[in-house]
C-alpha atoms as a PDB file:
ATOM      1  CA  MET A   1      12.722  21.691  -2.911  1.00  0.00           C
ATOM      2  CA  ASP A   2      11.469  25.175  -3.787  1.00  0.00           C
ATOM      3  CA  SER A   3       8.194  25.809  -5.481  1.00  0.00           C
ATOM      4  CA  ASP A   4       8.524  26.727  -9.128  1.00  0.00           C
ATOM      5  CA  ASP A   5       6.504  26.531 -12.356  1.00  0.00           C
ATOM      6  CA  ASP A   6       5.717  22.853 -11.849  1.00  0.00           C
ATOM      7  CA  GLY A   7       3.846  23.666  -8.620  1.00  0.00           C
ATOM      8  CA  LEU A   8       5.865  21.213  -6.520  1.00  0.00           C
ATOM      9  CA  GLY A   9       6.279  23.073  -3.255  1.00  0.00           C
ATOM     10  CA  PRO A  10       7.255  21.228  -0.072  1.00  0.00           C
ATOM     11  CA  SER A  11       3.618  20.371   0.669  1.00  0.00           C
ATOM     12  CA  PHE A  12       3.490  18.226  -2.496  1.00  0.00           C
ATOM     13  CA  PHE A  13       5.752  15.702  -0.754  1.00  0.00           C
ATOM     14  CA  GLU A  14       4.291  15.933   2.769  1.00  0.00           C
ATOM     15  CA  ASP A  15       3.079  12.650   4.213  1.00  0.00           C
ATOM     16  CA  ARG A  16       4.146  10.801   1.069  1.00  0.00           C
ATOM     17  CA  LEU A  17       6.201   7.617   0.703  1.00  0.00           C
ATOM     18  CA  LEU A  18       7.668   6.031  -2.406  1.00  0.00           C
ATOM     19  CA  ILE A  19       8.637   2.363  -2.459  1.00  0.00           C
ATOM     20  CA  GLU A  20      10.461   0.521  -5.233  1.00  0.00           C
ATOM     21  CA  ILE A  21       9.028  -2.984  -5.635  1.00  0.00           C
ATOM     22  CA  GLU A  22      11.736  -5.659  -5.559  1.00  0.00           C
ATOM     23  CA  ALA A  23       9.607  -8.826  -5.371  1.00  0.00           C
ATOM     24  CA  TRP A  24       6.007  -9.901  -4.915  1.00  0.00           C
ATOM     25  CA  ASP A  25       3.994 -13.010  -4.212  1.00  0.00           C
ATOM     26  CA  CYS A  26       0.309 -13.860  -4.340  1.00  0.00           C
ATOM     27  CA  SER A  27      -1.285 -16.001  -1.670  1.00  0.00           C
ATOM     28  CA  PHE A  28      -4.608 -17.803  -1.557  1.00  0.00           C
ATOM     29  CA  HIS A  29      -5.891 -19.605   1.520  1.00  0.00           C
ATOM     30  CA  VAL A  30      -9.012 -21.761   1.828  1.00  0.00           C
ATOM     31  CA  GLY A  31     -10.182 -23.171   5.136  1.00  0.00           C
ATOM     32  CA  LEU A  32     -13.158 -24.027   7.272  1.00  0.00           C
ATOM     33  CA  ARG A  33     -15.071 -21.000   8.456  1.00  0.00           C
ATOM     34  CA  ARG A  34     -14.306 -20.038  12.005  1.00  0.00           C
ATOM     35  CA  ARG A  35     -17.150 -19.096  14.285  1.00  0.00           C
ATOM     36  CA  GLY A  36     -17.679 -15.337  14.114  1.00  0.00           C
ATOM     37  CA  ALA A  37     -15.942 -14.921  10.745  1.00  0.00           C
ATOM     38  CA  HIS A  38     -17.052 -11.863   8.783  1.00  0.00           C
ATOM     39  CA  PRO A  39     -19.573 -12.847   6.048  1.00  0.00           C
ATOM     40  CA  HIS A  40     -17.229 -11.351   3.430  1.00  0.00           C
ATOM     41  CA  PHE A  41     -14.806 -14.212   4.071  1.00  0.00           C
ATOM     42  CA  ARG A  42     -17.387 -17.006   3.639  1.00  0.00           C
ATOM     43  CA  PHE A  43     -18.287 -18.948   0.527  1.00  0.00           C
ATOM     44  CA  LEU A  44     -19.843 -22.320  -0.287  1.00  0.00           C
ATOM     45  CA  GLY A  45     -21.654 -22.260   3.049  1.00  0.00           C
ATOM     46  CA  GLY A  46     -18.889 -23.032   5.502  1.00  0.00           C
ATOM     47  CA  LEU A  47     -15.562 -22.186   3.901  1.00  0.00           C
ATOM     48  CA  THR A  48     -13.447 -19.071   3.988  1.00  0.00           C
ATOM     49  CA  ASP A  49     -11.066 -17.769   1.394  1.00  0.00           C
ATOM     50  CA  VAL A  50      -8.386 -15.158   1.862  1.00  0.00           C
ATOM     51  CA  ARG A  51      -6.423 -13.691  -1.037  1.00  0.00           C
ATOM     52  CA  SER A  52      -3.599 -11.217  -0.779  1.00  0.00           C
ATOM     53  CA  LEU A  53      -0.456  -9.929  -2.392  1.00  0.00           C
ATOM     54  CA  SER A  54       2.762  -9.531  -0.463  1.00  0.00           C
ATOM     55  CA  LEU A  55       5.360  -7.109  -1.805  1.00  0.00           C
ATOM     56  CA  THR A  56       8.887  -6.484  -0.659  1.00  0.00           C
ATOM     57  CA  GLY A  57      10.769  -3.386  -1.615  1.00  0.00           C
ATOM     58  CA  ARG A  58      12.951  -0.527  -0.557  1.00  0.00           C
ATOM     59  CA  MET A  59      12.011   2.986   0.433  1.00  0.00           C
ATOM     60  CA  LEU A  60      13.128   5.610  -2.045  1.00  0.00           C
ATOM     61  CA  ALA A  61      11.586   8.639  -0.350  1.00  0.00           C
ATOM     62  CA  PRO A  62      11.483  10.584   1.805  1.00  0.00           C
ATOM     63  CA  ALA A  63      15.272  10.780   2.007  1.00  0.00           C
ATOM     64  CA  GLN A  64      15.479  10.037   5.762  1.00  0.00           C
ATOM     65  CA  HIS A  65      14.056   6.555   5.054  1.00  0.00           C
ATOM     66  CA  ARG A  66      15.889   5.852   1.796  1.00  0.00           C
ATOM     67  CA  ASP A  67      17.099   2.263   1.356  1.00  0.00           C
ATOM     68  CA  ARG A  68      15.140   0.912   4.328  1.00  0.00           C
ATOM     69  CA  SER A  69      13.166  -2.202   3.548  1.00  0.00           C
ATOM     70  CA  ALA A  70       9.397  -2.226   3.221  1.00  0.00           C
ATOM     71  CA  ARG A  71       6.888  -5.034   3.283  1.00  0.00           C
ATOM     72  CA  VAL A  72       3.505  -4.261   1.751  1.00  0.00           C
ATOM     73  CA  TRP A  73       0.394  -6.421   2.050  1.00  0.00           C
ATOM     74  CA  VAL A  74      -2.349  -5.741  -0.478  1.00  0.00           C
ATOM     75  CA  SER A  75      -5.703  -7.207   0.558  1.00  0.00           C
ATOM     76  CA  PRO A  76      -8.963  -7.215  -1.422  1.00  0.00           C
ATOM     77  CA  TYR A  77     -12.249  -6.075   0.128  1.00  0.00           C
ATOM     78  CA  ASP A  78     -15.769  -6.155  -1.244  1.00  0.00           C
ATOM     79  CA  ARG A  79     -17.265  -2.917  -2.577  1.00  0.00           C
ATOM     80  CA  GLU A  80     -19.763  -2.815   0.311  1.00  0.00           C
ATOM     81  CA  SER A  81     -16.876  -2.024   2.667  1.00  0.00           C
ATOM     82  CA  TRP A  82     -16.257   1.195   0.748  1.00  0.00           C
ATOM     83  CA  SER A  83     -19.673   2.838   1.237  1.00  0.00           C
ATOM     84  CA  GLY A  84     -22.550   3.210   3.675  1.00  0.00           C
ATOM     85  CA  PRO A  85     -22.531   3.785   7.429  1.00  0.00           C
ATOM     86  CA  GLU A  86     -19.808   1.201   8.040  1.00  0.00           C
ATOM     87  CA  ALA A  87     -17.549   2.561   5.276  1.00  0.00           C
ATOM     88  CA  LEU A  88     -13.803   2.393   5.723  1.00  0.00           C
ATOM     89  CA  ASP A  89     -12.201   5.695   6.727  1.00  0.00           C
ATOM     90  CA  GLU A  90      -8.777   4.746   5.398  1.00  0.00           C
ATOM     91  CA  VAL A  91      -7.392   2.562   2.620  1.00  0.00           C
ATOM     92  CA  GLY A  92      -4.513   1.117   4.603  1.00  0.00           C
ATOM     93  CA  ARG A  93      -1.991   1.601   7.411  1.00  0.00           C
ATOM     94  CA  VAL A  94       1.716   2.326   7.635  1.00  0.00           C
ATOM     95  CA  TYR A  95       3.570   0.926  10.638  1.00  0.00           C
ATOM     96  CA  TRP A  96       6.815   2.811  11.246  1.00  0.00           C
ATOM     97  CA  PRO A  97       9.878   0.688  12.059  1.00  0.00           C
ATOM     98  CA  ALA A  98      10.486   0.109  15.759  1.00  0.00           C
ATOM     99  CA  ALA A  99      13.707   1.437  17.252  1.00  0.00           C
ATOM    100  CA  GLY A 100      16.605  -0.617  15.938  1.00  0.00           C
ATOM    101  CA  GLU A 101      14.532  -2.153  13.140  1.00  0.00           C
ATOM    102  CA  GLY A 102      14.695  -1.056   9.573  1.00  0.00           C
ATOM    103  CA  ARG A 103      11.535  -2.380   7.938  1.00  0.00           C
ATOM    104  CA  PHE A 104       8.329  -0.538   7.227  1.00  0.00           C
ATOM    105  CA  ASP A 105       5.152  -2.628   7.319  1.00  0.00           C
ATOM    106  CA  ILE A 106       2.326  -1.323   5.151  1.00  0.00           C
ATOM    107  CA  SER A 107      -1.143  -2.704   4.541  1.00  0.00           C
ATOM    108  CA  LEU A 108      -3.227  -1.528   1.580  1.00  0.00           C
ATOM    109  CA  MET A 109      -6.810  -2.387   0.661  1.00  0.00           C
ATOM    110  CA  ILE A 110      -8.147  -2.732  -2.872  1.00  0.00           C
ATOM    111  CA  PRO A 111     -11.625  -3.528  -4.183  1.00  0.00           C
ATOM    112  CA  GLN A 112     -11.914  -7.305  -4.576  1.00  0.00           C
ATOM    113  CA  ASP A 113     -12.852  -7.043  -8.249  1.00  0.00           C
ATOM    114  CA  ALA A 114      -9.560  -5.216  -8.938  1.00  0.00           C
ATOM    115  CA  LEU A 115      -7.377  -8.097  -7.703  1.00  0.00           C
ATOM    116  CA  VAL A 116      -6.839  -9.728 -11.102  1.00  0.00           C
ATOM    117  CA  THR A 117      -5.918  -6.403 -12.725  1.00  0.00           C
ATOM    118  CA  VAL A 118      -3.478  -5.660  -9.912  1.00  0.00           C
ATOM    119  CA  GLN A 119      -1.867  -9.106 -10.264  1.00  0.00           C
ATOM    120  CA  VAL A 120      -1.451  -8.785 -14.031  1.00  0.00           C
ATOM    121  CA  CYS A 121       0.052  -5.292 -13.792  1.00  0.00           C
ATOM    122  CA  MET A 122       2.269  -6.289 -10.869  1.00  0.00           C
ATOM    123  CA  GLY A 123       3.697  -9.125 -12.938  1.00  0.00           C
ATOM    124  CA  SER A 124       4.202  -7.059 -16.052  1.00  0.00           C
ATOM    125  CA  ILE A 125       4.772  -3.335 -15.564  1.00  0.00           C
ATOM    126  CA  TRP A 126       4.436  -1.906 -12.046  1.00  0.00           C
ATOM    127  CA  LYS A 127       7.679  -1.073 -10.246  1.00  0.00           C
ATOM    128  CA  TYR A 128       6.671   1.513  -7.637  1.00  0.00           C
ATOM    129  CA  VAL A 129       4.152   2.023  -4.844  1.00  0.00           C
ATOM    130  CA  HIS A 130       3.170   5.600  -3.936  1.00  0.00           C
ATOM    131  CA  VAL A 131       1.540   6.064  -0.506  1.00  0.00           C
ATOM    132  CA  TRP A 132      -0.026   9.198   1.004  1.00  0.00           C
ATOM    133  CA  THR A 133      -0.681   9.144   4.755  1.00  0.00           C
ATOM    134  CA  PHE A 134      -2.596  11.111   7.399  1.00  0.00           C
ATOM    135  CA  ASP A 135      -3.105  11.016  11.169  1.00  0.00           C
ATOM    136  CA  ALA A 136       0.472   9.894  11.738  1.00  0.00           C
ATOM    137  CA  ASP A 137       1.875   9.342  15.205  1.00  0.00           C
ATOM    138  CA  ALA A 138       5.110   7.778  16.444  1.00  0.00           C
ATOM    139  CA  ARG A 139       3.970   4.219  15.656  1.00  0.00           C
ATOM    140  CA  GLU A 140       1.662   4.316  12.637  1.00  0.00           C
ATOM    141  CA  ALA A 141      -0.294   6.349  10.101  1.00  0.00           C
ATOM    142  CA  SER A 142      -3.489   5.914   8.125  1.00  0.00           C
ATOM    143  CA  VAL A 143      -3.264   5.675   4.343  1.00  0.00           C
ATOM    144  CA  ARG A 144      -5.334   8.275   2.471  1.00  0.00           C
ATOM    145  CA  ASP A 145      -4.340   7.303  -1.082  1.00  0.00           C
ATOM    146  CA  PHE A 146      -2.016   4.911  -2.803  1.00  0.00           C
ATOM    147  CA  SER A 147      -1.126   4.045  -6.361  1.00  0.00           C
ATOM    148  CA  PHE A 148       1.152   1.807  -8.347  1.00  0.00           C
ATOM    149  CA  SER A 149       3.193   2.892 -11.356  1.00  0.00           C
ATOM    150  CA  ALA A 150       5.669   1.653 -13.915  1.00  0.00           C
ATOM    151  CA  THR A 151       7.682   4.880 -13.797  1.00  0.00           C
ATOM    152  CA  VAL A 152       8.283   7.893 -11.584  1.00  0.00           C
ATOM    153  CA  ALA A 153       7.465  11.313 -13.021  1.00  0.00           C
ATOM    154  CA  ASP A 154      10.513  13.419 -13.897  1.00  0.00           C
ATOM    155  CA  LYS A 155       9.406  16.141 -11.460  1.00  0.00           C
ATOM    156  CA  VAL A 156       9.408  13.590  -8.598  1.00  0.00           C
ATOM    157  CA  LYS A 157      12.777  11.964  -9.396  1.00  0.00           C
ATOM    158  CA  PRO A 158      14.962  14.438  -7.441  1.00  0.00           C
ATOM    159  CA  TRP A 159      12.854  13.885  -4.295  1.00  0.00           C
ATOM    160  CA  ALA A 160      13.096  10.115  -4.796  1.00  0.00           C
ATOM    161  CA  GLY A 161      16.864  10.144  -5.398  1.00  0.00           C
ATOM    162  CA  LEU A 162      16.411   8.927  -8.969  1.00  0.00           C
ATOM    163  CA  ASP A 163      17.978  11.832 -10.831  1.00  0.00           C
END
């Protein structure tokens, strides 16, 4: 794709993935706290709770991965994980499919207080997951940014095979 007035040169699409959401599920697990469990996962003294969203979809872009399946786990984290000396240096991971396998495995992290908003929008309007990566190697990549959307911008549709 050549650069033109819209400013979408090849670098606009570098390290970017686009997934169409086909299905999603929300899970919630409560159990007894295991010894050594992170304090974030403790409540009511000795219990743990784990909440997450699991999405299944298909890769739309880049073209070399089009129509491969993707599984995306969205996990909430407390705001303290996002700042200070122990701050996260990525907001997720992409695990490339192993030889002979076709599925991408992706984990994304959201602030815990955004979980309800994400669930409502997932059930009502969101259809796509946009993921930007960095530090990629043959097995995995870190996620720099991600977003969800109900539509794909017209200027991105040719890259995503949606024109």
